[in-house]
Amino acid sequence: MKNKETAGRVVIEWAPFKVAPGVTEEQLLAAAKEIQDGFLKHQKGFLRRELLRDRDGGYVDVLHWTDQASVDAAMKEAMASPACAAYFQCMAVTDHASAEASVSFFDRVASY
């Protein structure tokens, strides 16, 4: 049985980051839940998300979307979202341009 994620291609957003100095993992996870419940789950085209931690203390947000247009619309709305602002403040960012440049998008071509 196909669902909307397995029925076709999916855009996967890969967003690596480090936690800002002084932010605990507990605080990060609380903000991650808030962005999920208060923003992402209301976005058209949003499918699912995983938050991964590597062994060196880095994190990656992996988001699955139905299409790039949905990603683009959500990115515009994120700028006005208090939940997004709180989550982004948990991240160590040297400058906004480099943070955006570190986000990558992939089209899923197969899933096994």
PDB file of N, CA and C in Angstrom:
ATOM      1  N   MET A   1       0.845  -1.179   0.000  1.00  0.00           N
ATOM      2  CA  MET A   1       0.000   0.000   0.000  1.00  0.00           C
ATOM      3  C   MET A   1       0.890   1.242   0.000  1.00  0.00           C
ATOM      4  N   LYS A   2       0.606   2.170  -0.882  1.00  0.00           N
ATOM      5  CA  LYS A   2       1.409   3.389  -0.985  1.00  0.00           C
ATOM      6  C   LYS A   2       0.779   4.500  -0.156  1.00  0.00           C
ATOM      7  N   ASN A   3       1.644   5.236   0.545  1.00  0.00           N
ATOM      8  CA  ASN A   3       1.190   6.458   1.195  1.00  0.00           C
ATOM      9  C   ASN A   3       1.807   7.627   0.437  1.00  0.00           C
ATOM     10  N   LYS A   4       1.538   8.865   0.882  1.00  0.00           N
ATOM     11  CA  LYS A   4       2.039   9.993   0.099  1.00  0.00           C
ATOM     12  C   LYS A   4       3.558  10.077   0.078  1.00  0.00           C
ATOM     13  N   GLU A   5       4.256   9.457   1.053  1.00  0.00           N
ATOM     14  CA  GLU A   5       5.714   9.490   1.025  1.00  0.00           C
ATOM     15  C   GLU A   5       6.284   8.429   0.093  1.00  0.00           C
ATOM     16  N   THR A   6       5.654   7.279  -0.039  1.00  0.00           N
ATOM     17  CA  THR A   6       6.201   6.225  -0.890  1.00  0.00           C
ATOM     18  C   THR A   6       5.647   6.273  -2.301  1.00  0.00           C
ATOM     19  N   ALA A   7       4.650   7.105  -2.539  1.00  0.00           N
ATOM     20  CA  ALA A   7       4.010   7.154  -3.851  1.00  0.00           C
ATOM     21  C   ALA A   7       4.861   7.839  -4.909  1.00  0.00           C
ATOM     22  N   GLY A   8       5.827   8.645  -4.532  1.00  0.00           N
ATOM     23  CA  GLY A   8       6.629   9.361  -5.519  1.00  0.00           C
ATOM     24  C   GLY A   8       7.911   9.864  -4.919  1.00  0.00           C
ATOM     25  N   ARG A   9       8.487  10.808  -5.589  1.00  0.00           N
ATOM     26  CA  ARG A   9       9.730  11.392  -5.096  1.00  0.00           C
ATOM     27  C   ARG A   9       9.460  12.272  -3.899  1.00  0.00           C
ATOM     28  N   VAL A  10      10.467  12.415  -3.098  1.00  0.00           N
ATOM     29  CA  VAL A  10      10.388  13.206  -1.877  1.00  0.00           C
ATOM     30  C   VAL A  10      11.602  14.127  -1.844  1.00  0.00           C
ATOM     31  N   VAL A  11      11.415  15.349  -1.378  1.00  0.00           N
ATOM     32  CA  VAL A  11      12.530  16.267  -1.163  1.00  0.00           C
ATOM     33  C   VAL A  11      12.987  16.090   0.278  1.00  0.00           C
ATOM     34  N   ILE A  12      14.278  15.834   0.448  1.00  0.00           N
ATOM     35  CA  ILE A  12      14.845  15.657   1.780  1.00  0.00           C
ATOM     36  C   ILE A  12      15.763  16.841   2.069  1.00  0.00           C
ATOM     37  N   GLU A  13      15.465  17.487   3.170  1.00  0.00           N
ATOM     38  CA  GLU A  13      16.247  18.639   3.630  1.00  0.00           C
ATOM     39  C   GLU A  13      17.249  18.148   4.666  1.00  0.00           C
ATOM     40  N   TRP A  14      18.515  18.454   4.460  1.00  0.00           N
ATOM     41  CA  TRP A  14      19.615  18.048   5.344  1.00  0.00           C
ATOM     42  C   TRP A  14      20.184  19.325   5.935  1.00  0.00           C
ATOM     43  N   ALA A  15      19.969  19.530   7.240  1.00  0.00           N
ATOM     44  CA  ALA A  15      20.363  20.785   7.877  1.00  0.00           C
ATOM     45  C   ALA A  15      21.264  20.520   9.084  1.00  0.00           C
ATOM     46  N   PRO A  16      22.579  20.481   8.869  1.00  0.00           N
ATOM     47  CA  PRO A  16      23.502  20.247   9.981  1.00  0.00           C
ATOM     48  C   PRO A  16      23.714  21.519  10.805  1.00  0.00           C
ATOM     49  N   PHE A  17      23.963  21.320  12.105  1.00  0.00           N
ATOM     50  CA  PHE A  17      24.248  22.468  12.970  1.00  0.00           C
ATOM     51  C   PHE A  17      24.950  22.011  14.241  1.00  0.00           C
ATOM     52  N   LYS A  18      25.521  22.971  14.938  1.00  0.00           N
ATOM     53  CA  LYS A  18      26.079  22.777  16.276  1.00  0.00           C
ATOM     54  C   LYS A  18      25.183  23.542  17.244  1.00  0.00           C
ATOM     55  N   VAL A  19      25.154  23.103  18.478  1.00  0.00           N
ATOM     56  CA  VAL A  19      24.359  23.780  19.496  1.00  0.00           C
ATOM     57  C   VAL A  19      25.112  25.018  19.984  1.00  0.00           C
ATOM     58  N   ALA A  20      24.365  26.075  20.216  1.00  0.00           N
ATOM     59  CA  ALA A  20      24.951  27.318  20.710  1.00  0.00           C
ATOM     60  C   ALA A  20      25.549  27.105  22.102  1.00  0.00           C
ATOM     61  N   PRO A  21      26.611  27.834  22.413  1.00  0.00           N
ATOM     62  CA  PRO A  21      27.214  27.726  23.747  1.00  0.00           C
ATOM     63  C   PRO A  21      26.169  27.992  24.832  1.00  0.00           C
ATOM     64  N   GLY A  22      26.194  27.146  25.866  1.00  0.00           N
ATOM     65  CA  GLY A  22      25.279  27.320  26.989  1.00  0.00           C
ATOM     66  C   GLY A  22      23.930  26.652  26.821  1.00  0.00           C
ATOM     67  N   VAL A  23      23.611  26.150  25.630  1.00  0.00           N
ATOM     68  CA  VAL A  23      22.329  25.482  25.390  1.00  0.00           C
ATOM     69  C   VAL A  23      22.506  23.993  25.677  1.00  0.00           C
ATOM     70  N   THR A  24      21.652  23.459  26.539  1.00  0.00           N
ATOM     71  CA  THR A  24      21.706  22.037  26.867  1.00  0.00           C
ATOM     72  C   THR A  24      20.922  21.223  25.838  1.00  0.00           C
ATOM     73  N   GLU A  25      21.199  19.943  25.789  1.00  0.00           N
ATOM     74  CA  GLU A  25      20.427  19.094  24.887  1.00  0.00           C
ATOM     75  C   GLU A  25      18.949  19.087  25.290  1.00  0.00           C
ATOM     76  N   GLU A  26      18.673  19.163  26.566  1.00  0.00           N
ATOM     77  CA  GLU A  26      17.280  19.226  27.031  1.00  0.00           C
ATOM     78  C   GLU A  26      16.576  20.456  26.460  1.00  0.00           C
ATOM     79  N   GLN A  27      17.250  21.595  26.476  1.00  0.00           N
ATOM     80  CA  GLN A  27      16.668  22.817  25.910  1.00  0.00           C
ATOM     81  C   GLN A  27      16.485  22.686  24.405  1.00  0.00           C
ATOM     82  N   LEU A  28      17.476  22.107  23.736  1.00  0.00           N
ATOM     83  CA  LEU A  28      17.372  21.889  22.298  1.00  0.00           C
ATOM     84  C   LEU A  28      16.181  20.997  21.966  1.00  0.00           C
ATOM     85  N   LEU A  29      16.033  19.900  22.697  1.00  0.00           N
ATOM     86  CA  LEU A  29      14.925  18.972  22.418  1.00  0.00           C
ATOM     87  C   LEU A  29      13.564  19.611  22.686  1.00  0.00           C
ATOM     88  N   ALA A  30      13.476  20.452  23.697  1.00  0.00           N
ATOM     89  CA  ALA A  30      12.215  21.162  23.960  1.00  0.00           C
ATOM     90  C   ALA A  30      11.882  22.105  22.805  1.00  0.00           C
ATOM     91  N   ALA A  31      12.889  22.831  22.321  1.00  0.00           N
ATOM     92  CA  ALA A  31      12.670  23.737  21.189  1.00  0.00           C
ATOM     93  C   ALA A  31      12.374  22.953  19.917  1.00  0.00           C
ATOM     94  N   ALA A  32      13.019  21.794  19.746  1.00  0.00           N
ATOM     95  CA  ALA A  32      12.764  20.947  18.575  1.00  0.00           C
ATOM     96  C   ALA A  32      11.330  20.442  18.574  1.00  0.00           C
ATOM     97  N   LYS A  33      10.819  20.088  19.743  1.00  0.00           N
ATOM     98  CA  LYS A  33       9.422  19.634  19.835  1.00  0.00           C
ATOM     99  C   LYS A  33       8.466  20.785  19.525  1.00  0.00           C
ATOM    100  N   GLU A  34       8.804  21.963  20.008  1.00  0.00           N
ATOM    101  CA  GLU A  34       7.946  23.131  19.762  1.00  0.00           C
ATOM    102  C   GLU A  34       7.889  23.494  18.282  1.00  0.00           C
ATOM    103  N   ILE A  35       9.019  23.445  17.587  1.00  0.00           N
ATOM    104  CA  ILE A  35       8.994  23.753  16.153  1.00  0.00           C
ATOM    105  C   ILE A  35       8.205  22.675  15.399  1.00  0.00           C
ATOM    106  N   GLN A  36       8.302  21.443  15.887  1.00  0.00           N
ATOM    107  CA  GLN A  36       7.537  20.355  15.265  1.00  0.00           C
ATOM    108  C   GLN A  36       6.038  20.579  15.440  1.00  0.00           C
ATOM    109  N   ASP A  37       5.624  20.768  16.703  1.00  0.00           N
ATOM    110  CA  ASP A  37       4.194  20.882  17.020  1.00  0.00           C
ATOM    111  C   ASP A  37       3.602  22.236  16.642  1.00  0.00           C
ATOM    112  N   GLY A  38       4.398  23.299  16.797  1.00  0.00           N
ATOM    113  CA  GLY A  38       3.875  24.637  16.576  1.00  0.00           C
ATOM    114  C   GLY A  38       4.047  25.175  15.170  1.00  0.00           C
ATOM    115  N   PHE A  39       4.864  24.497  14.364  1.00  0.00           N
ATOM    116  CA  PHE A  39       5.111  25.012  13.017  1.00  0.00           C
ATOM    117  C   PHE A  39       5.082  23.924  11.948  1.00  0.00           C
ATOM    118  N   LEU A  40       6.010  22.984  12.015  1.00  0.00           N
ATOM    119  CA  LEU A  40       6.190  22.042  10.905  1.00  0.00           C
ATOM    120  C   LEU A  40       4.953  21.211  10.596  1.00  0.00           C
ATOM    121  N   LYS A  41       4.296  20.691  11.621  1.00  0.00           N
ATOM    122  CA  LYS A  41       3.166  19.805  11.332  1.00  0.00           C
ATOM    123  C   LYS A  41       1.990  20.538  10.681  1.00  0.00           C
ATOM    124  N   HIS A  42       2.052  21.853  10.648  1.00  0.00           N
ATOM    125  CA  HIS A  42       0.996  22.648  10.001  1.00  0.00           C
ATOM    126  C   HIS A  42       1.367  23.075   8.582  1.00  0.00           C
ATOM    127  N   GLN A  43       2.565  22.705   8.131  1.00  0.00           N
ATOM    128  CA  GLN A  43       3.032  23.143   6.819  1.00  0.00           C
ATOM    129  C   GLN A  43       2.584  22.186   5.724  1.00  0.00           C
ATOM    130  N   LYS A  44       2.059  22.762   4.669  1.00  0.00           N
ATOM    131  CA  LYS A  44       1.667  21.972   3.504  1.00  0.00           C
ATOM    132  C   LYS A  44       2.903  21.260   2.956  1.00  0.00           C
ATOM    133  N   GLY A  45       2.769  19.984   2.676  1.00  0.00           N
ATOM    134  CA  GLY A  45       3.851  19.230   2.075  1.00  0.00           C
ATOM    135  C   GLY A  45       4.841  18.628   3.057  1.00  0.00           C
ATOM    136  N   PHE A  46       4.716  18.947   4.346  1.00  0.00           N
ATOM    137  CA  PHE A  46       5.623  18.370   5.334  1.00  0.00           C
ATOM    138  C   PHE A  46       5.222  16.928   5.604  1.00  0.00           C
ATOM    139  N   LEU A  47       6.205  16.019   5.588  1.00  0.00           N
ATOM    140  CA  LEU A  47       5.932  14.601   5.813  1.00  0.00           C
ATOM    141  C   LEU A  47       6.434  14.104   7.171  1.00  0.00           C
ATOM    142  N   ARG A  48       7.725  14.290   7.418  1.00  0.00           N
ATOM    143  CA  ARG A  48       8.289  13.815   8.677  1.00  0.00           C
ATOM    144  C   ARG A  48       9.666  14.421   8.889  1.00  0.00           C
ATOM    145  N   ARG A  49      10.188  14.162  10.086  1.00  0.00           N
ATOM    146  CA  ARG A  49      11.465  14.770  10.461  1.00  0.00           C
ATOM    147  C   ARG A  49      12.180  13.880  11.459  1.00  0.00           C
ATOM    148  N   GLU A  50      13.512  13.849  11.363  1.00  0.00           N
ATOM    149  CA  GLU A  50      14.359  13.218  12.360  1.00  0.00           C
ATOM    150  C   GLU A  50      15.414  14.231  12.797  1.00  0.00           C
ATOM    151  N   LEU A  51      15.745  14.188  14.063  1.00  0.00           N
ATOM    152  CA  LEU A  51      16.854  14.984  14.587  1.00  0.00           C
ATOM    153  C   LEU A  51      17.938  13.989  14.975  1.00  0.00           C
ATOM    154  N   LEU A  52      19.099  14.116  14.349  1.00  0.00           N
ATOM    155  CA  LEU A  52      20.201  13.191  14.564  1.00  0.00           C
ATOM    156  C   LEU A  52      21.346  13.886  15.286  1.00  0.00           C
ATOM    157  N   ARG A  53      22.077  13.133  16.106  1.00  0.00           N
ATOM    158  CA  ARG A  53      23.262  13.663  16.788  1.00  0.00           C
ATOM    159  C   ARG A  53      24.441  12.770  16.431  1.00  0.00           C
ATOM    160  N   ASP A  54      25.554  13.387  16.040  1.00  0.00           N
ATOM    161  CA  ASP A  54      26.735  12.579  15.752  1.00  0.00           C
ATOM    162  C   ASP A  54      27.551  12.404  17.034  1.00  0.00           C
ATOM    163  N   ARG A  55      28.580  11.649  16.959  1.00  0.00           N
ATOM    164  CA  ARG A  55      29.381  11.331  18.148  1.00  0.00           C
ATOM    165  C   ARG A  55      30.287  12.474  18.584  1.00  0.00           C
ATOM    166  N   ASP A  56      30.370  13.513  17.754  1.00  0.00           N
ATOM    167  CA  ASP A  56      31.184  14.677  18.091  1.00  0.00           C
ATOM    168  C   ASP A  56      30.347  15.847  18.602  1.00  0.00           C
ATOM    169  N   GLY A  57      29.048  15.629  18.809  1.00  0.00           N
ATOM    170  CA  GLY A  57      28.181  16.671  19.346  1.00  0.00           C
ATOM    171  C   GLY A  57      27.506  17.539  18.308  1.00  0.00           C
ATOM    172  N   GLY A  58      27.660  17.198  17.034  1.00  0.00           N
ATOM    173  CA  GLY A  58      26.947  17.918  15.989  1.00  0.00           C
ATOM    174  C   GLY A  58      25.565  17.310  15.791  1.00  0.00           C
ATOM    175  N   TYR A  59      24.677  18.080  15.208  1.00  0.00           N
ATOM    176  CA  TYR A  59      23.315  17.627  14.960  1.00  0.00           C
ATOM    177  C   TYR A  59      22.972  17.810  13.485  1.00  0.00           C
ATOM    178  N   VAL A  60      21.986  17.057  13.046  1.00  0.00           N
ATOM    179  CA  VAL A  60      21.425  17.229  11.708  1.00  0.00           C
ATOM    180  C   VAL A  60      19.918  17.089  11.819  1.00  0.00           C
ATOM    181  N   ASP A  61      19.210  18.059  11.294  1.00  0.00           N
ATOM    182  CA  ASP A  61      17.769  17.962  11.136  1.00  0.00           C
ATOM    183  C   ASP A  61      17.528  17.391   9.748  1.00  0.00           C
ATOM    184  N   VAL A  62      16.774  16.319   9.648  1.00  0.00           N
ATOM    185  CA  VAL A  62      16.451  15.696   8.366  1.00  0.00           C
ATOM    186  C   VAL A  62      14.935  15.787   8.204  1.00  0.00           C
ATOM    187  N   LEU A  63      14.510  16.577   7.235  1.00  0.00           N
ATOM    188  CA  LEU A  63      13.081  16.782   7.005  1.00  0.00           C
ATOM    189  C   LEU A  63      12.697  16.207   5.651  1.00  0.00           C
ATOM    190  N   HIS A  64      11.525  15.620   5.586  1.00  0.00           N
ATOM    191  CA  HIS A  64      10.998  15.034   4.356  1.00  0.00           C
ATOM    192  C   HIS A  64       9.776  15.849   3.923  1.00  0.00           C
ATOM    193  N   TRP A  65       9.798  16.269   2.675  1.00  0.00           N
ATOM    194  CA  TRP A  65       8.745  17.111   2.103  1.00  0.00           C
ATOM    195  C   TRP A  65       8.230  16.475   0.813  1.00  0.00           C
ATOM    196  N   THR A  66       7.007  16.811   0.444  1.00  0.00           N
ATOM    197  CA  THR A  66       6.446  16.278  -0.796  1.00  0.00           C
ATOM    198  C   THR A  66       7.052  16.922  -2.027  1.00  0.00           C
ATOM    199  N   ASP A  67       7.481  18.192  -1.918  1.00  0.00           N
ATOM    200  CA  ASP A  67       7.984  18.906  -3.095  1.00  0.00           C
ATOM    201  C   ASP A  67       8.739  20.158  -2.671  1.00  0.00           C
ATOM    202  N   GLN A  68       9.522  20.695  -3.583  1.00  0.00           N
ATOM    203  CA  GLN A  68      10.343  21.874  -3.296  1.00  0.00           C
ATOM    204  C   GLN A  68       9.490  23.116  -3.057  1.00  0.00           C
ATOM    205  N   ALA A  69       8.356  23.232  -3.729  1.00  0.00           N
ATOM    206  CA  ALA A  69       7.494  24.395  -3.517  1.00  0.00           C
ATOM    207  C   ALA A  69       7.028  24.468  -2.062  1.00  0.00           C
ATOM    208  N   SER A  70       6.746  23.328  -1.455  1.00  0.00           N
ATOM    209  CA  SER A  70       6.344  23.302  -0.047  1.00  0.00           C
ATOM    210  C   SER A  70       7.494  23.742   0.851  1.00  0.00           C
ATOM    211  N   VAL A  71       8.702  23.311   0.539  1.00  0.00           N
ATOM    212  CA  VAL A  71       9.892  23.731   1.293  1.00  0.00           C
ATOM    213  C   VAL A  71      10.033  25.242   1.212  1.00  0.00           C
ATOM    214  N   ASP A  72       9.960  25.779   0.005  1.00  0.00           N
ATOM    215  CA  ASP A  72      10.135  27.216  -0.204  1.00  0.00           C
ATOM    216  C   ASP A  72       9.086  28.025   0.562  1.00  0.00           C
ATOM    217  N   ALA A  73       7.837  27.568   0.536  1.00  0.00           N
ATOM    218  CA  ALA A  73       6.765  28.267   1.258  1.00  0.00           C
ATOM    219  C   ALA A  73       7.011  28.225   2.766  1.00  0.00           C
ATOM    220  N   ALA A  74       7.422  27.073   3.275  1.00  0.00           N
ATOM    221  CA  ALA A  74       7.690  26.940   4.708  1.00  0.00           C
ATOM    222  C   ALA A  74       8.870  27.816   5.129  1.00  0.00           C
ATOM    223  N   MET A  75       9.902  27.893   4.289  1.00  0.00           N
ATOM    224  CA  MET A  75      11.064  28.732   4.609  1.00  0.00           C
ATOM    225  C   MET A  75      10.650  30.192   4.766  1.00  0.00           C
ATOM    226  N   LYS A  76       9.748  30.653   3.911  1.00  0.00           N
ATOM    227  CA  LYS A  76       9.280  32.044   4.013  1.00  0.00           C
ATOM    228  C   LYS A  76       8.489  32.249   5.302  1.00  0.00           C
ATOM    229  N   GLU A  77       7.616  31.295   5.645  1.00  0.00           N
ATOM    230  CA  GLU A  77       6.801  31.409   6.858  1.00  0.00           C
ATOM    231  C   GLU A  77       7.640  31.285   8.127  1.00  0.00           C
ATOM    232  N   ALA A  78       8.734  30.548   8.046  1.00  0.00           N
ATOM    233  CA  ALA A  78       9.577  30.321   9.223  1.00  0.00           C
ATOM    234  C   ALA A  78      10.114  31.625   9.794  1.00  0.00           C
ATOM    235  N   MET A  79      10.358  32.603   8.948  1.00  0.00           N
ATOM    236  CA  MET A  79      10.917  33.868   9.405  1.00  0.00           C
ATOM    237  C   MET A  79       9.991  34.596  10.380  1.00  0.00           C
ATOM    238  N   ALA A  80       8.677  34.322  10.333  1.00  0.00           N
ATOM    239  CA  ALA A  80       7.722  34.990  11.210  1.00  0.00           C
ATOM    240  C   ALA A  80       7.256  34.101  12.361  1.00  0.00           C
ATOM    241  N   SER A  81       7.813  32.911  12.485  1.00  0.00           N
ATOM    242  CA  SER A  81       7.354  31.942  13.489  1.00  0.00           C
ATOM    243  C   SER A  81       8.150  32.047  14.784  1.00  0.00           C
ATOM    244  N   PRO A  82       7.476  32.292  15.919  1.00  0.00           N
ATOM    245  CA  PRO A  82       8.175  32.306  17.205  1.00  0.00           C
ATOM    246  C   PRO A  82       8.801  30.937  17.536  1.00  0.00           C
ATOM    247  N   ALA A  83       8.138  29.843  17.159  1.00  0.00           N
ATOM    248  CA  ALA A  83       8.683  28.503  17.416  1.00  0.00           C
ATOM    249  C   ALA A  83       9.982  28.299  16.645  1.00  0.00           C
ATOM    250  N   CYS A  84      10.016  28.760  15.408  1.00  0.00           N
ATOM    251  CA  CYS A  84      11.238  28.646  14.606  1.00  0.00           C
ATOM    252  C   CYS A  84      12.339  29.510  15.200  1.00  0.00           C
ATOM    253  N   ALA A  85      12.005  30.728  15.607  1.00  0.00           N
ATOM    254  CA  ALA A  85      13.011  31.632  16.181  1.00  0.00           C
ATOM    255  C   ALA A  85      13.632  31.022  17.432  1.00  0.00           C
ATOM    256  N   ALA A  86      12.814  30.417  18.287  1.00  0.00           N
ATOM    257  CA  ALA A  86      13.329  29.805  19.512  1.00  0.00           C
ATOM    258  C   ALA A  86      14.258  28.635  19.192  1.00  0.00           C
ATOM    259  N   TYR A  87      13.911  27.847  18.198  1.00  0.00           N
ATOM    260  CA  TYR A  87      14.742  26.712  17.807  1.00  0.00           C
ATOM    261  C   TYR A  87      16.059  27.189  17.201  1.00  0.00           C
ATOM    262  N   PHE A  88      15.974  28.176  16.305  1.00  0.00           N
ATOM    263  CA  PHE A  88      17.172  28.687  15.655  1.00  0.00           C
ATOM    264  C   PHE A  88      18.132  29.322  16.668  1.00  0.00           C
ATOM    265  N   GLN A  89      17.594  29.888  17.757  1.00  0.00           N
ATOM    266  CA  GLN A  89      18.452  30.492  18.782  1.00  0.00           C
ATOM    267  C   GLN A  89      19.258  29.439  19.543  1.00  0.00           C
ATOM    268  N   CYS A  90      18.851  28.182  19.457  1.00  0.00           N
ATOM    269  CA  CYS A  90      19.602  27.091  20.094  1.00  0.00           C
ATOM    270  C   CYS A  90      20.821  26.685  19.273  1.00  0.00           C
ATOM    271  N   MET A  91      20.915  27.209  18.070  1.00  0.00           N
ATOM    272  CA  MET A  91      21.977  26.812  17.150  1.00  0.00           C
ATOM    273  C   MET A  91      23.119  27.816  17.146  1.00  0.00           C
ATOM    274  N   ALA A  92      24.335  27.302  17.065  1.00  0.00           N
ATOM    275  CA  ALA A  92      25.513  28.150  16.933  1.00  0.00           C
ATOM    276  C   ALA A  92      25.628  28.556  15.475  1.00  0.00           C
ATOM    277  N   VAL A  93      25.478  29.824  15.210  1.00  0.00           N
ATOM    278  CA  VAL A  93      25.531  30.324  13.836  1.00  0.00           C
ATOM    279  C   VAL A  93      26.517  31.476  13.790  1.00  0.00           C
ATOM    280  N   THR A  94      27.492  31.354  12.894  1.00  0.00           N
ATOM    281  CA  THR A  94      28.453  32.452  12.764  1.00  0.00           C
ATOM    282  C   THR A  94      27.839  33.600  11.979  1.00  0.00           C
ATOM    283  N   ASP A  95      27.087  33.297  10.945  1.00  0.00           N
ATOM    284  CA  ASP A  95      26.318  34.309  10.221  1.00  0.00           C
ATOM    285  C   ASP A  95      25.193  33.616   9.469  1.00  0.00           C
ATOM    286  N   HIS A  96      24.129  34.352   9.210  1.00  0.00           N
ATOM    287  CA  HIS A  96      22.917  33.805   8.607  1.00  0.00           C
ATOM    288  C   HIS A  96      23.192  33.194   7.233  1.00  0.00           C
ATOM    289  N   ALA A  97      24.013  33.836   6.438  1.00  0.00           N
ATOM    290  CA  ALA A  97      24.291  33.342   5.078  1.00  0.00           C
ATOM    291  C   ALA A  97      24.974  31.980   5.115  1.00  0.00           C
ATOM    292  N   SER A  98      25.928  31.790   6.035  1.00  0.00           N
ATOM    293  CA  SER A  98      26.608  30.496   6.086  1.00  0.00           C
ATOM    294  C   SER A  98      25.681  29.412   6.621  1.00  0.00           C
ATOM    295  N   ALA A  99      24.750  29.774   7.516  1.00  0.00           N
ATOM    296  CA  ALA A  99      23.783  28.797   8.024  1.00  0.00           C
ATOM    297  C   ALA A  99      22.885  28.306   6.897  1.00  0.00           C
ATOM    298  N   GLU A 100      22.383  29.225   6.082  1.00  0.00           N
ATOM    299  CA  GLU A 100      21.543  28.829   4.947  1.00  0.00           C
ATOM    300  C   GLU A 100      22.333  28.014   3.934  1.00  0.00           C
ATOM    301  N   ALA A 101      23.589  28.355   3.738  1.00  0.00           N
ATOM    302  CA  ALA A 101      24.415  27.638   2.760  1.00  0.00           C
ATOM    303  C   ALA A 101      24.700  26.212   3.198  1.00  0.00           C
ATOM    304  N   SER A 102      24.650  25.940   4.502  1.00  0.00           N
ATOM    305  CA  SER A 102      24.938  24.588   4.980  1.00  0.00           C
ATOM    306  C   SER A 102      23.760  23.641   4.805  1.00  0.00           C
ATOM    307  N   VAL A 103      22.574  24.163   4.516  1.00  0.00           N
ATOM    308  CA  VAL A 103      21.396  23.324   4.299  1.00  0.00           C
ATOM    309  C   VAL A 103      21.422  22.808   2.867  1.00  0.00           C
ATOM    310  N   SER A 104      21.218  21.498   2.731  1.00  0.00           N
ATOM    311  CA  SER A 104      21.200  20.867   1.404  1.00  0.00           C
ATOM    312  C   SER A 104      19.847  20.213   1.169  1.00  0.00           C
ATOM    313  N   PHE A 105      19.492  20.098  -0.101  1.00  0.00           N
ATOM    314  CA  PHE A 105      18.238  19.449  -0.480  1.00  0.00           C
ATOM    315  C   PHE A 105      18.534  18.341  -1.468  1.00  0.00           C
ATOM    316  N   PHE A 106      17.854  17.215  -1.269  1.00  0.00           N
ATOM    317  CA  PHE A 106      18.042  16.040  -2.115  1.00  0.00           C
ATOM    318  C   PHE A 106      16.681  15.561  -2.593  1.00  0.00           C
ATOM    319  N   ASP A 107      16.626  15.083  -3.806  1.00  0.00           N
ATOM    320  CA  ASP A 107      15.432  14.409  -4.317  1.00  0.00           C
ATOM    321  C   ASP A 107      15.644  12.925  -4.132  1.00  0.00           C
ATOM    322  N   ARG A 108      14.736  12.296  -3.399  1.00  0.00           N
ATOM    323  CA  ARG A 108      14.857  10.852  -3.235  1.00  0.00           C
ATOM    324  C   ARG A 108      14.517  10.186  -4.555  1.00  0.00           C
ATOM    325  N   VAL A 109      15.389   9.347  -5.023  1.00  0.00           N
ATOM    326  CA  VAL A 109      15.168   8.653  -6.301  1.00  0.00           C
ATOM    327  C   VAL A 109      14.816   7.186  -6.092  1.00  0.00           C
ATOM    328  N   ALA A 110      15.111   6.660  -4.903  1.00  0.00           N
ATOM    329  CA  ALA A 110      14.731   5.279  -4.579  1.00  0.00           C
ATOM    330  C   ALA A 110      14.752   5.118  -3.075  1.00  0.00           C
ATOM    331  N   SER A 111      13.934   4.223  -2.575  1.00  0.00           N
ATOM    332  CA  SER A 111      13.905   3.896  -1.154  1.00  0.00           C
ATOM    333  C   SER A 111      13.799   2.383  -1.036  1.00  0.00           C
ATOM    334  N   TYR A 112      14.622   1.796  -0.210  1.00  0.00           N
ATOM    335  CA  TYR A 112      14.658   0.338  -0.089  1.00  0.00           C
ATOM    336  C   TYR A 112      14.283  -0.098   1.294  1.00  0.00           C
TER     337      TYR A 112
END
